[in-house]
Amino acid sequence: MVPTTYYLILSAALFTLGALGVVLRRNVLIIFMSVEMMLNAVNLTFAALARHFLQLHGQIFVLMAMAVAAAEVAVGLAIVMAVVRHKDSTNVQDINLLKG
């Protein structure tokens, strides 16, 4: 049986890598993948703590968060595809379509 602290350490490492990917990268697709990595790290924390405390609430929250993340990915990728067709670039600095 793996201790809960190992899951929490892995979750913290995944969240840190995701945060670094959001801050350091300029490609929109890499940023989306980094945000998804951060969401999965939080989901891993919820699942590990739900298992540790023998509660089902954390796992239900993980299921709902995964459903919302799937919808977010679908909408986000649709927006990225529209921007790429218009601007022909996935660089964050080149995208200024929403500026008034």
PDB file of N, CA and C in Angstrom:
ATOM      1  N   MET A   1       0.840  -1.177   0.000  1.00  0.00           N
ATOM      2  CA  MET A   1       0.000   0.000   0.000  1.00  0.00           C
ATOM      3  C   MET A   1       0.889   1.246   0.000  1.00  0.00           C
ATOM      4  N   VAL A   2       0.639   2.135  -0.938  1.00  0.00           N
ATOM      5  CA  VAL A   2       1.440   3.351  -1.094  1.00  0.00           C
ATOM      6  C   VAL A   2       0.912   4.418  -0.128  1.00  0.00           C
ATOM      7  N   PRO A   3       1.810   5.064   0.626  1.00  0.00           N
ATOM      8  CA  PRO A   3       1.359   6.114   1.553  1.00  0.00           C
ATOM      9  C   PRO A   3       0.780   7.322   0.813  1.00  0.00           C
ATOM     10  N   THR A   4      -0.095   8.028   1.482  1.00  0.00           N
ATOM     11  CA  THR A   4      -0.743   9.198   0.885  1.00  0.00           C
ATOM     12  C   THR A   4       0.252  10.313   0.607  1.00  0.00           C
ATOM     13  N   THR A   5       1.289  10.404   1.401  1.00  0.00           N
ATOM     14  CA  THR A   5       2.274  11.472   1.188  1.00  0.00           C
ATOM     15  C   THR A   5       2.961  11.346  -0.164  1.00  0.00           C
ATOM     16  N   TYR A   6       3.149  10.128  -0.663  1.00  0.00           N
ATOM     17  CA  TYR A   6       3.758   9.945  -1.984  1.00  0.00           C
ATOM     18  C   TYR A   6       2.862  10.532  -3.070  1.00  0.00           C
ATOM     19  N   TYR A   7       1.561  10.319  -2.944  1.00  0.00           N
ATOM     20  CA  TYR A   7       0.630  10.892  -3.907  1.00  0.00           C
ATOM     21  C   TYR A   7       0.648  12.415  -3.850  1.00  0.00           C
ATOM     22  N   LEU A   8       0.724  12.957  -2.643  1.00  0.00           N
ATOM     23  CA  LEU A   8       0.732  14.406  -2.490  1.00  0.00           C
ATOM     24  C   LEU A   8       2.019  15.016  -3.030  1.00  0.00           C
ATOM     25  N   ILE A   9       3.136  14.338  -2.852  1.00  0.00           N
ATOM     26  CA  ILE A   9       4.405  14.822  -3.405  1.00  0.00           C
ATOM     27  C   ILE A   9       4.370  14.787  -4.921  1.00  0.00           C
ATOM     28  N   LEU A  10       3.844  13.702  -5.497  1.00  0.00           N
ATOM     29  CA  LEU A  10       3.713  13.612  -6.950  1.00  0.00           C
ATOM     30  C   LEU A  10       2.777  14.694  -7.475  1.00  0.00           C
ATOM     31  N   SER A  11       1.694  14.938  -6.770  1.00  0.00           N
ATOM     32  CA  SER A  11       0.755  15.981  -7.168  1.00  0.00           C
ATOM     33  C   SER A  11       1.405  17.358  -7.126  1.00  0.00           C
ATOM     34  N   ALA A  12       2.184  17.628  -6.101  1.00  0.00           N
ATOM     35  CA  ALA A  12       2.873  18.920  -6.005  1.00  0.00           C
ATOM     36  C   ALA A  12       3.882  19.086  -7.137  1.00  0.00           C
ATOM     37  N   ALA A  13       4.589  18.007  -7.478  1.00  0.00           N
ATOM     38  CA  ALA A  13       5.548  18.075  -8.581  1.00  0.00           C
ATOM     39  C   ALA A  13       4.842  18.325  -9.914  1.00  0.00           C
ATOM     40  N   LEU A  14       3.727  17.638 -10.153  1.00  0.00           N
ATOM     41  CA  LEU A  14       2.969  17.854 -11.386  1.00  0.00           C
ATOM     42  C   LEU A  14       2.415  19.272 -11.460  1.00  0.00           C
ATOM     43  N   PHE A  15       1.914  19.772 -10.342  1.00  0.00           N
ATOM     44  CA  PHE A  15       1.376  21.137 -10.327  1.00  0.00           C
ATOM     45  C   PHE A  15       2.482  22.155 -10.592  1.00  0.00           C
ATOM     46  N   THR A  16       3.662  21.932 -10.020  1.00  0.00           N
ATOM     47  CA  THR A  16       4.787  22.845 -10.239  1.00  0.00           C
ATOM     48  C   THR A  16       5.222  22.833 -11.695  1.00  0.00           C
ATOM     49  N   LEU A  17       5.309  21.651 -12.300  1.00  0.00           N
ATOM     50  CA  LEU A  17       5.667  21.571 -13.715  1.00  0.00           C
ATOM     51  C   LEU A  17       4.629  22.264 -14.594  1.00  0.00           C
ATOM     52  N   GLY A  18       3.358  22.096 -14.253  1.00  0.00           N
ATOM     53  CA  GLY A  18       2.314  22.769 -15.011  1.00  0.00           C
ATOM     54  C   GLY A  18       2.380  24.279 -14.881  1.00  0.00           C
ATOM     55  N   ALA A  19       2.631  24.757 -13.670  1.00  0.00           N
ATOM     56  CA  ALA A  19       2.739  26.201 -13.451  1.00  0.00           C
ATOM     57  C   ALA A  19       3.931  26.782 -14.194  1.00  0.00           C
ATOM     58  N   LEU A  20       5.037  26.059 -14.190  1.00  0.00           N
ATOM     59  CA  LEU A  20       6.204  26.509 -14.952  1.00  0.00           C
ATOM     60  C   LEU A  20       5.919  26.530 -16.448  1.00  0.00           C
ATOM     61  N   GLY A  21       5.177  25.553 -16.926  1.00  0.00           N
ATOM     62  CA  GLY A  21       4.808  25.530 -18.344  1.00  0.00           C
ATOM     63  C   GLY A  21       3.932  26.707 -18.726  1.00  0.00           C
ATOM     64  N   VAL A  22       3.020  27.106 -17.845  1.00  0.00           N
ATOM     65  CA  VAL A  22       2.158  28.257 -18.133  1.00  0.00           C
ATOM     66  C   VAL A  22       2.973  29.544 -18.137  1.00  0.00           C
ATOM     67  N   VAL A  23       3.899  29.666 -17.203  1.00  0.00           N
ATOM     68  CA  VAL A  23       4.655  30.908 -17.072  1.00  0.00           C
ATOM     69  C   VAL A  23       5.737  31.043 -18.137  1.00  0.00           C
ATOM     70  N   LEU A  24       6.420  29.957 -18.463  1.00  0.00           N
ATOM     71  CA  LEU A  24       7.595  30.043 -19.317  1.00  0.00           C
ATOM     72  C   LEU A  24       7.325  29.862 -20.805  1.00  0.00           C
ATOM     73  N   ARG A  25       6.276  29.182 -21.177  1.00  0.00           N
ATOM     74  CA  ARG A  25       6.026  28.895 -22.588  1.00  0.00           C
ATOM     75  C   ARG A  25       5.172  29.968 -23.239  1.00  0.00           C
ATOM     76  N   ARG A  26       5.290  30.099 -24.558  1.00  0.00           N
ATOM     77  CA  ARG A  26       4.519  31.081 -25.310  1.00  0.00           C
ATOM     78  C   ARG A  26       3.567  30.439 -26.313  1.00  0.00           C
ATOM     79  N   ASN A  27       3.618  29.142 -26.477  1.00  0.00           N
ATOM     80  CA  ASN A  27       2.731  28.440 -27.392  1.00  0.00           C
ATOM     81  C   ASN A  27       1.412  28.155 -26.680  1.00  0.00           C
ATOM     82  N   VAL A  28       0.303  28.480 -27.332  1.00  0.00           N
ATOM     83  CA  VAL A  28      -1.011  28.341 -26.704  1.00  0.00           C
ATOM     84  C   VAL A  28      -1.310  26.877 -26.389  1.00  0.00           C
ATOM     85  N   LEU A  29      -0.942  25.968 -27.257  1.00  0.00           N
ATOM     86  CA  LEU A  29      -1.217  24.551 -27.021  1.00  0.00           C
ATOM     87  C   LEU A  29      -0.434  24.021 -25.824  1.00  0.00           C
ATOM     88  N   ILE A  30       0.796  24.436 -25.679  1.00  0.00           N
ATOM     89  CA  ILE A  30       1.604  24.030 -24.524  1.00  0.00           C
ATOM     90  C   ILE A  30       1.010  24.605 -23.241  1.00  0.00           C
ATOM     91  N   ILE A  31       0.522  25.834 -23.312  1.00  0.00           N
ATOM     92  CA  ILE A  31      -0.097  26.448 -22.137  1.00  0.00           C
ATOM     93  C   ILE A  31      -1.350  25.680 -21.745  1.00  0.00           C
ATOM     94  N   PHE A  32      -2.179  25.293 -22.728  1.00  0.00           N
ATOM     95  CA  PHE A  32      -3.372  24.499 -22.424  1.00  0.00           C
ATOM     96  C   PHE A  32      -3.002  23.159 -21.799  1.00  0.00           C
ATOM     97  N   MET A  33      -1.976  22.513 -22.319  1.00  0.00           N
ATOM     98  CA  MET A  33      -1.557  21.232 -21.741  1.00  0.00           C
ATOM     99  C   MET A  33      -1.032  21.422 -20.326  1.00  0.00           C
ATOM    100  N   SER A  34      -0.363  22.527 -20.066  1.00  0.00           N
ATOM    101  CA  SER A  34       0.139  22.795 -18.724  1.00  0.00           C
ATOM    102  C   SER A  34      -1.003  23.057 -17.746  1.00  0.00           C
ATOM    103  N   VAL A  35      -2.024  23.757 -18.201  1.00  0.00           N
ATOM    104  CA  VAL A  35      -3.191  23.985 -17.342  1.00  0.00           C
ATOM    105  C   VAL A  35      -3.882  22.659 -17.039  1.00  0.00           C
ATOM    106  N   GLU A  36      -3.985  21.794 -18.033  1.00  0.00           N
ATOM    107  CA  GLU A  36      -4.586  20.478 -17.807  1.00  0.00           C
ATOM    108  C   GLU A  36      -3.747  19.652 -16.833  1.00  0.00           C
ATOM    109  N   MET A  37      -2.424  19.792 -16.909  1.00  0.00           N
ATOM    110  CA  MET A  37      -1.560  19.084 -15.963  1.00  0.00           C
ATOM    111  C   MET A  37      -1.807  19.581 -14.544  1.00  0.00           C
ATOM    112  N   MET A  38      -2.000  20.882 -14.395  1.00  0.00           N
ATOM    113  CA  MET A  38      -2.291  21.433 -13.080  1.00  0.00           C
ATOM    114  C   MET A  38      -3.645  20.931 -12.564  1.00  0.00           C
ATOM    115  N   LEU A  39      -4.645  20.865 -13.432  1.00  0.00           N
ATOM    116  CA  LEU A  39      -5.944  20.344 -13.021  1.00  0.00           C
ATOM    117  C   LEU A  39      -5.856  18.876 -12.615  1.00  0.00           C
ATOM    118  N   ASN A  40      -5.079  18.098 -13.349  1.00  0.00           N
ATOM    119  CA  ASN A  40      -4.908  16.689 -12.994  1.00  0.00           C
ATOM    120  C   ASN A  40      -4.154  16.523 -11.682  1.00  0.00           C
ATOM    121  N   ALA A  41      -3.229  17.428 -11.396  1.00  0.00           N
ATOM    122  CA  ALA A  41      -2.526  17.370 -10.109  1.00  0.00           C
ATOM    123  C   ALA A  41      -3.491  17.621  -8.954  1.00  0.00           C
ATOM    124  N   VAL A  42      -4.391  18.568  -9.131  1.00  0.00           N
ATOM    125  CA  VAL A  42      -5.391  18.838  -8.096  1.00  0.00           C
ATOM    126  C   VAL A  42      -6.336  17.643  -7.959  1.00  0.00           C
ATOM    127  N   ASN A  43      -6.713  17.038  -9.085  1.00  0.00           N
ATOM    128  CA  ASN A  43      -7.574  15.858  -9.035  1.00  0.00           C
ATOM    129  C   ASN A  43      -6.888  14.704  -8.300  1.00  0.00           C
ATOM    130  N   LEU A  44      -5.595  14.542  -8.527  1.00  0.00           N
ATOM    131  CA  LEU A  44      -4.851  13.502  -7.824  1.00  0.00           C
ATOM    132  C   LEU A  44      -4.839  13.770  -6.325  1.00  0.00           C
ATOM    133  N   THR A  45      -4.708  15.028  -5.935  1.00  0.00           N
ATOM    134  CA  THR A  45      -4.743  15.378  -4.512  1.00  0.00           C
ATOM    135  C   THR A  45      -6.098  15.057  -3.904  1.00  0.00           C
ATOM    136  N   PHE A  46      -7.171  15.432  -4.598  1.00  0.00           N
ATOM    137  CA  PHE A  46      -8.513  15.132  -4.088  1.00  0.00           C
ATOM    138  C   PHE A  46      -8.728  13.634  -3.947  1.00  0.00           C
ATOM    139  N   ALA A  47      -8.317  12.866  -4.952  1.00  0.00           N
ATOM    140  CA  ALA A  47      -8.523  11.415  -4.904  1.00  0.00           C
ATOM    141  C   ALA A  47      -7.694  10.781  -3.789  1.00  0.00           C
ATOM    142  N   ALA A  48      -6.454  11.239  -3.618  1.00  0.00           N
ATOM    143  CA  ALA A  48      -5.591  10.677  -2.575  1.00  0.00           C
ATOM    144  C   ALA A  48      -6.143  10.985  -1.183  1.00  0.00           C
ATOM    145  N   LEU A  49      -6.605  12.216  -0.998  1.00  0.00           N
ATOM    146  CA  LEU A  49      -7.142  12.565   0.314  1.00  0.00           C
ATOM    147  C   LEU A  49      -8.489  11.897   0.574  1.00  0.00           C
ATOM    148  N   ALA A  50      -9.277  11.690  -0.474  1.00  0.00           N
ATOM    149  CA  ALA A  50     -10.530  10.965  -0.306  1.00  0.00           C
ATOM    150  C   ALA A  50     -10.260   9.524   0.108  1.00  0.00           C
ATOM    151  N   ARG A  51      -9.221   8.931  -0.472  1.00  0.00           N
ATOM    152  CA  ARG A  51      -8.849   7.563  -0.093  1.00  0.00           C
ATOM    153  C   ARG A  51      -8.294   7.525   1.328  1.00  0.00           C
ATOM    154  N   HIS A  52      -7.519   8.532   1.679  1.00  0.00           N
ATOM    155  CA  HIS A  52      -6.910   8.569   3.009  1.00  0.00           C
ATOM    156  C   HIS A  52      -7.967   8.711   4.106  1.00  0.00           C
ATOM    157  N   PHE A  53      -8.947   9.577   3.883  1.00  0.00           N
ATOM    158  CA  PHE A  53      -9.977   9.819   4.893  1.00  0.00           C
ATOM    159  C   PHE A  53     -11.205   8.931   4.714  1.00  0.00           C
ATOM    160  N   LEU A  54     -11.159   8.033   3.728  1.00  0.00           N
ATOM    161  CA  LEU A  54     -12.255   7.087   3.459  1.00  0.00           C
ATOM    162  C   LEU A  54     -13.586   7.808   3.227  1.00  0.00           C
ATOM    163  N   GLN A  55     -13.524   8.871   2.449  1.00  0.00           N
ATOM    164  CA  GLN A  55     -14.711   9.647   2.094  1.00  0.00           C
ATOM    165  C   GLN A  55     -14.899   9.597   0.576  1.00  0.00           C
ATOM    166  N   LEU A  56     -16.131   9.621   0.143  1.00  0.00           N
ATOM    167  CA  LEU A  56     -16.434   9.560  -1.280  1.00  0.00           C
ATOM    168  C   LEU A  56     -16.536  10.950  -1.901  1.00  0.00           C
ATOM    169  N   HIS A  57     -16.599  11.991  -1.093  1.00  0.00           N
ATOM    170  CA  HIS A  57     -16.824  13.342  -1.591  1.00  0.00           C
ATOM    171  C   HIS A  57     -15.706  13.801  -2.529  1.00  0.00           C
ATOM    172  N   GLY A  58     -14.479  13.494  -2.207  1.00  0.00           N
ATOM    173  CA  GLY A  58     -13.351  13.898  -3.037  1.00  0.00           C
ATOM    174  C   GLY A  58     -13.377  13.241  -4.400  1.00  0.00           C
ATOM    175  N   GLN A  59     -13.762  11.979  -4.454  1.00  0.00           N
ATOM    176  CA  GLN A  59     -13.817  11.281  -5.738  1.00  0.00           C
ATOM    177  C   GLN A  59     -14.960  11.798  -6.600  1.00  0.00           C
ATOM    178  N   ILE A  60     -16.062  12.164  -5.992  1.00  0.00           N
ATOM    179  CA  ILE A  60     -17.175  12.754  -6.745  1.00  0.00           C
ATOM    180  C   ILE A  60     -16.752  14.107  -7.309  1.00  0.00           C
ATOM    181  N   PHE A  61     -16.024  14.879  -6.503  1.00  0.00           N
ATOM    182  CA  PHE A  61     -15.529  16.168  -6.985  1.00  0.00           C
ATOM    183  C   PHE A  61     -14.563  15.981  -8.148  1.00  0.00           C
ATOM    184  N   VAL A  62     -13.718  14.958  -8.093  1.00  0.00           N
ATOM    185  CA  VAL A  62     -12.787  14.669  -9.183  1.00  0.00           C
ATOM    186  C   VAL A  62     -13.554  14.340 -10.459  1.00  0.00           C
ATOM    187  N   LEU A  63     -14.601  13.555 -10.346  1.00  0.00           N
ATOM    188  CA  LEU A  63     -15.407  13.203 -11.514  1.00  0.00           C
ATOM    189  C   LEU A  63     -16.025  14.445 -12.144  1.00  0.00           C
ATOM    190  N   MET A  64     -16.546  15.334 -11.328  1.00  0.00           N
ATOM    191  CA  MET A  64     -17.132  16.567 -11.849  1.00  0.00           C
ATOM    192  C   MET A  64     -16.060  17.466 -12.462  1.00  0.00           C
ATOM    193  N   ALA A  65     -14.904  17.549 -11.839  1.00  0.00           N
ATOM    194  CA  ALA A  65     -13.820  18.376 -12.372  1.00  0.00           C
ATOM    195  C   ALA A  65     -13.316  17.836 -13.707  1.00  0.00           C
ATOM    196  N   MET A  66     -13.292  16.526 -13.859  1.00  0.00           N
ATOM    197  CA  MET A  66     -12.877  15.940 -15.137  1.00  0.00           C
ATOM    198  C   MET A  66     -13.880  16.260 -16.238  1.00  0.00           C
ATOM    199  N   ALA A  67     -15.160  16.262 -15.921  1.00  0.00           N
ATOM    200  CA  ALA A  67     -16.178  16.613 -16.908  1.00  0.00           C
ATOM    201  C   ALA A  67     -16.045  18.074 -17.338  1.00  0.00           C
ATOM    202  N   VAL A  68     -15.821  18.956 -16.378  1.00  0.00           N
ATOM    203  CA  VAL A  68     -15.640  20.371 -16.695  1.00  0.00           C
ATOM    204  C   VAL A  68     -14.357  20.580 -17.493  1.00  0.00           C
ATOM    205  N   ALA A  69     -13.292  19.849 -17.156  1.00  0.00           N
ATOM    206  CA  ALA A  69     -12.022  19.978 -17.887  1.00  0.00           C
ATOM    207  C   ALA A  69     -12.176  19.509 -19.327  1.00  0.00           C
ATOM    208  N   ALA A  70     -12.961  18.466 -19.557  1.00  0.00           N
ATOM    209  CA  ALA A  70     -13.179  17.997 -20.925  1.00  0.00           C
ATOM    210  C   ALA A  70     -13.917  19.052 -21.743  1.00  0.00           C
ATOM    211  N   ALA A  71     -14.908  19.689 -21.150  1.00  0.00           N
ATOM    212  CA  ALA A  71     -15.621  20.757 -21.850  1.00  0.00           C
ATOM    213  C   ALA A  71     -14.707  21.952 -22.093  1.00  0.00           C
ATOM    214  N   GLU A  72     -13.859  22.258 -21.119  1.00  0.00           N
ATOM    215  CA  GLU A  72     -12.919  23.375 -21.276  1.00  0.00           C
ATOM    216  C   GLU A  72     -11.937  23.121 -22.401  1.00  0.00           C
ATOM    217  N   VAL A  73     -11.475  21.896 -22.521  1.00  0.00           N
ATOM    218  CA  VAL A  73     -10.540  21.554 -23.599  1.00  0.00           C
ATOM    219  C   VAL A  73     -11.217  21.691 -24.954  1.00  0.00           C
ATOM    220  N   ALA A  74     -12.443  21.232 -25.063  1.00  0.00           N
ATOM    221  CA  ALA A  74     -13.155  21.321 -26.339  1.00  0.00           C
ATOM    222  C   ALA A  74     -13.340  22.775 -26.764  1.00  0.00           C
ATOM    223  N   VAL A  75     -13.757  23.626 -25.839  1.00  0.00           N
ATOM    224  CA  VAL A  75     -13.953  25.043 -26.166  1.00  0.00           C
ATOM    225  C   VAL A  75     -12.617  25.725 -26.431  1.00  0.00           C
ATOM    226  N   GLY A  76     -11.626  25.435 -25.604  1.00  0.00           N
ATOM    227  CA  GLY A  76     -10.305  26.051 -25.778  1.00  0.00           C
ATOM    228  C   GLY A  76      -9.661  25.689 -27.100  1.00  0.00           C
ATOM    229  N   LEU A  77      -9.739  24.426 -27.482  1.00  0.00           N
ATOM    230  CA  LEU A  77      -9.150  24.022 -28.761  1.00  0.00           C
ATOM    231  C   LEU A  77      -9.913  24.609 -29.944  1.00  0.00           C
ATOM    232  N   ALA A  78     -11.221  24.767 -29.813  1.00  0.00           N
ATOM    233  CA  ALA A  78     -11.986  25.412 -30.881  1.00  0.00           C
ATOM    234  C   ALA A  78     -11.556  26.870 -31.046  1.00  0.00           C
ATOM    235  N   ILE A  79     -11.325  27.554 -29.936  1.00  0.00           N
ATOM    236  CA  ILE A  79     -10.856  28.941 -30.009  1.00  0.00           C
ATOM    237  C   ILE A  79      -9.464  29.005 -30.618  1.00  0.00           C
ATOM    238  N   VAL A  80      -8.585  28.097 -30.209  1.00  0.00           N
ATOM    239  CA  VAL A  80      -7.228  28.081 -30.763  1.00  0.00           C
ATOM    240  C   VAL A  80      -7.257  27.814 -32.258  1.00  0.00           C
ATOM    241  N   MET A  81      -8.092  26.878 -32.696  1.00  0.00           N
ATOM    242  CA  MET A  81      -8.184  26.591 -34.132  1.00  0.00           C
ATOM    243  C   MET A  81      -8.679  27.809 -34.907  1.00  0.00           C
ATOM    244  N   ALA A  82      -9.641  28.547 -34.355  1.00  0.00           N
ATOM    245  CA  ALA A  82     -10.140  29.752 -35.014  1.00  0.00           C
ATOM    246  C   ALA A  82      -9.054  30.822 -35.088  1.00  0.00           C
ATOM    247  N   VAL A  83      -8.285  30.975 -34.015  1.00  0.00           N
ATOM    248  CA  VAL A  83      -7.213  31.973 -34.011  1.00  0.00           C
ATOM    249  C   VAL A  83      -6.114  31.582 -34.988  1.00  0.00           C
ATOM    250  N   VAL A  84      -5.779  30.304 -35.052  1.00  0.00           N
ATOM    251  CA  VAL A  84      -4.726  29.852 -35.973  1.00  0.00           C
ATOM    252  C   VAL A  84      -5.153  30.070 -37.414  1.00  0.00           C
ATOM    253  N   ARG A  85      -6.417  29.822 -37.718  1.00  0.00           N
ATOM    254  CA  ARG A  85      -6.900  30.071 -39.078  1.00  0.00           C
ATOM    255  C   ARG A  85      -6.849  31.554 -39.428  1.00  0.00           C
ATOM    256  N   HIS A  86      -7.086  32.408 -38.440  1.00  0.00           N
ATOM    257  CA  HIS A  86      -7.095  33.846 -38.691  1.00  0.00           C
ATOM    258  C   HIS A  86      -5.691  34.445 -38.691  1.00  0.00           C
ATOM    259  N   LYS A  87      -4.872  34.062 -37.730  1.00  0.00           N
ATOM    260  CA  LYS A  87      -3.543  34.663 -37.550  1.00  0.00           C
ATOM    261  C   LYS A  87      -2.404  33.808 -38.068  1.00  0.00           C
ATOM    262  N   ASP A  88      -2.627  32.519 -38.227  1.00  0.00           N
ATOM    263  CA  ASP A  88      -1.607  31.573 -38.676  1.00  0.00           C
ATOM    264  C   ASP A  88      -0.432  31.490 -37.699  1.00  0.00           C
ATOM    265  N   SER A  89      -0.730  31.589 -36.386  1.00  0.00           N
ATOM    266  CA  SER A  89       0.298  31.512 -35.359  1.00  0.00           C
ATOM    267  C   SER A  89      -0.334  31.015 -34.058  1.00  0.00           C
ATOM    268  N   THR A  90       0.452  30.283 -33.269  1.00  0.00           N
ATOM    269  CA  THR A  90      -0.007  29.852 -31.946  1.00  0.00           C
ATOM    270  C   THR A  90       0.784  30.529 -30.837  1.00  0.00           C
ATOM    271  N   ASN A  91       1.530  31.557 -31.170  1.00  0.00           N
ATOM    272  CA  ASN A  91       2.303  32.297 -30.187  1.00  0.00           C
ATOM    273  C   ASN A  91       1.382  33.264 -29.439  1.00  0.00           C
ATOM    274  N   VAL A  92       1.482  33.288 -28.128  1.00  0.00           N
ATOM    275  CA  VAL A  92       0.609  34.120 -27.317  1.00  0.00           C
ATOM    276  C   VAL A  92       0.841  35.597 -27.598  1.00  0.00           C
ATOM    277  N   GLN A  93       2.055  35.995 -27.869  1.00  0.00           N
ATOM    278  CA  GLN A  93       2.362  37.400 -28.101  1.00  0.00           C
ATOM    279  C   GLN A  93       1.804  37.899 -29.437  1.00  0.00           C
ATOM    280  N   ASP A  94       1.571  36.984 -30.383  1.00  0.00           N
ATOM    281  CA  ASP A  94       1.030  37.388 -31.681  1.00  0.00           C
ATOM    282  C   ASP A  94      -0.486  37.504 -31.676  1.00  0.00           C
ATOM    283  N   ILE A  95      -1.124  36.976 -30.658  1.00  0.00           N
ATOM    284  CA  ILE A  95      -2.585  36.945 -30.623  1.00  0.00           C
ATOM    285  C   ILE A  95      -3.085  38.176 -29.865  1.00  0.00           C
ATOM    286  N   ASN A  96      -3.684  39.090 -30.567  1.00  0.00           N
ATOM    287  CA  ASN A  96      -4.258  40.282 -29.946  1.00  0.00           C
ATOM    288  C   ASN A  96      -5.632  40.573 -30.545  1.00  0.00           C
ATOM    289  N   LEU A  97      -6.379  39.526 -30.849  1.00  0.00           N
ATOM    290  CA  LEU A  97      -7.680  39.693 -31.491  1.00  0.00           C
ATOM    291  C   LEU A  97      -8.703  40.334 -30.567  1.00  0.00           C
ATOM    292  N   LEU A  98      -8.582  40.139 -29.270  1.00  0.00           N
ATOM    293  CA  LEU A  98      -9.588  40.634 -28.343  1.00  0.00           C
ATOM    294  C   LEU A  98      -9.304  42.053 -27.844  1.00  0.00           C
ATOM    295  N   LYS A  99      -8.250  42.664 -28.332  1.00  0.00           N
ATOM    296  CA  LYS A  99      -7.957  44.037 -27.933  1.00  0.00           C
ATOM    297  C   LYS A  99      -8.937  44.982 -28.625  1.00  0.00           C
ATOM    298  N   GLY A 100      -9.425  45.973 -27.875  1.00  0.00           N
ATOM    299  CA  GLY A 100     -10.442  46.870 -28.399  1.00  0.00           C
ATOM    300  C   GLY A 100      -9.927  48.031 -29.065  1.00  0.00           C
TER     301      GLY A 100
END
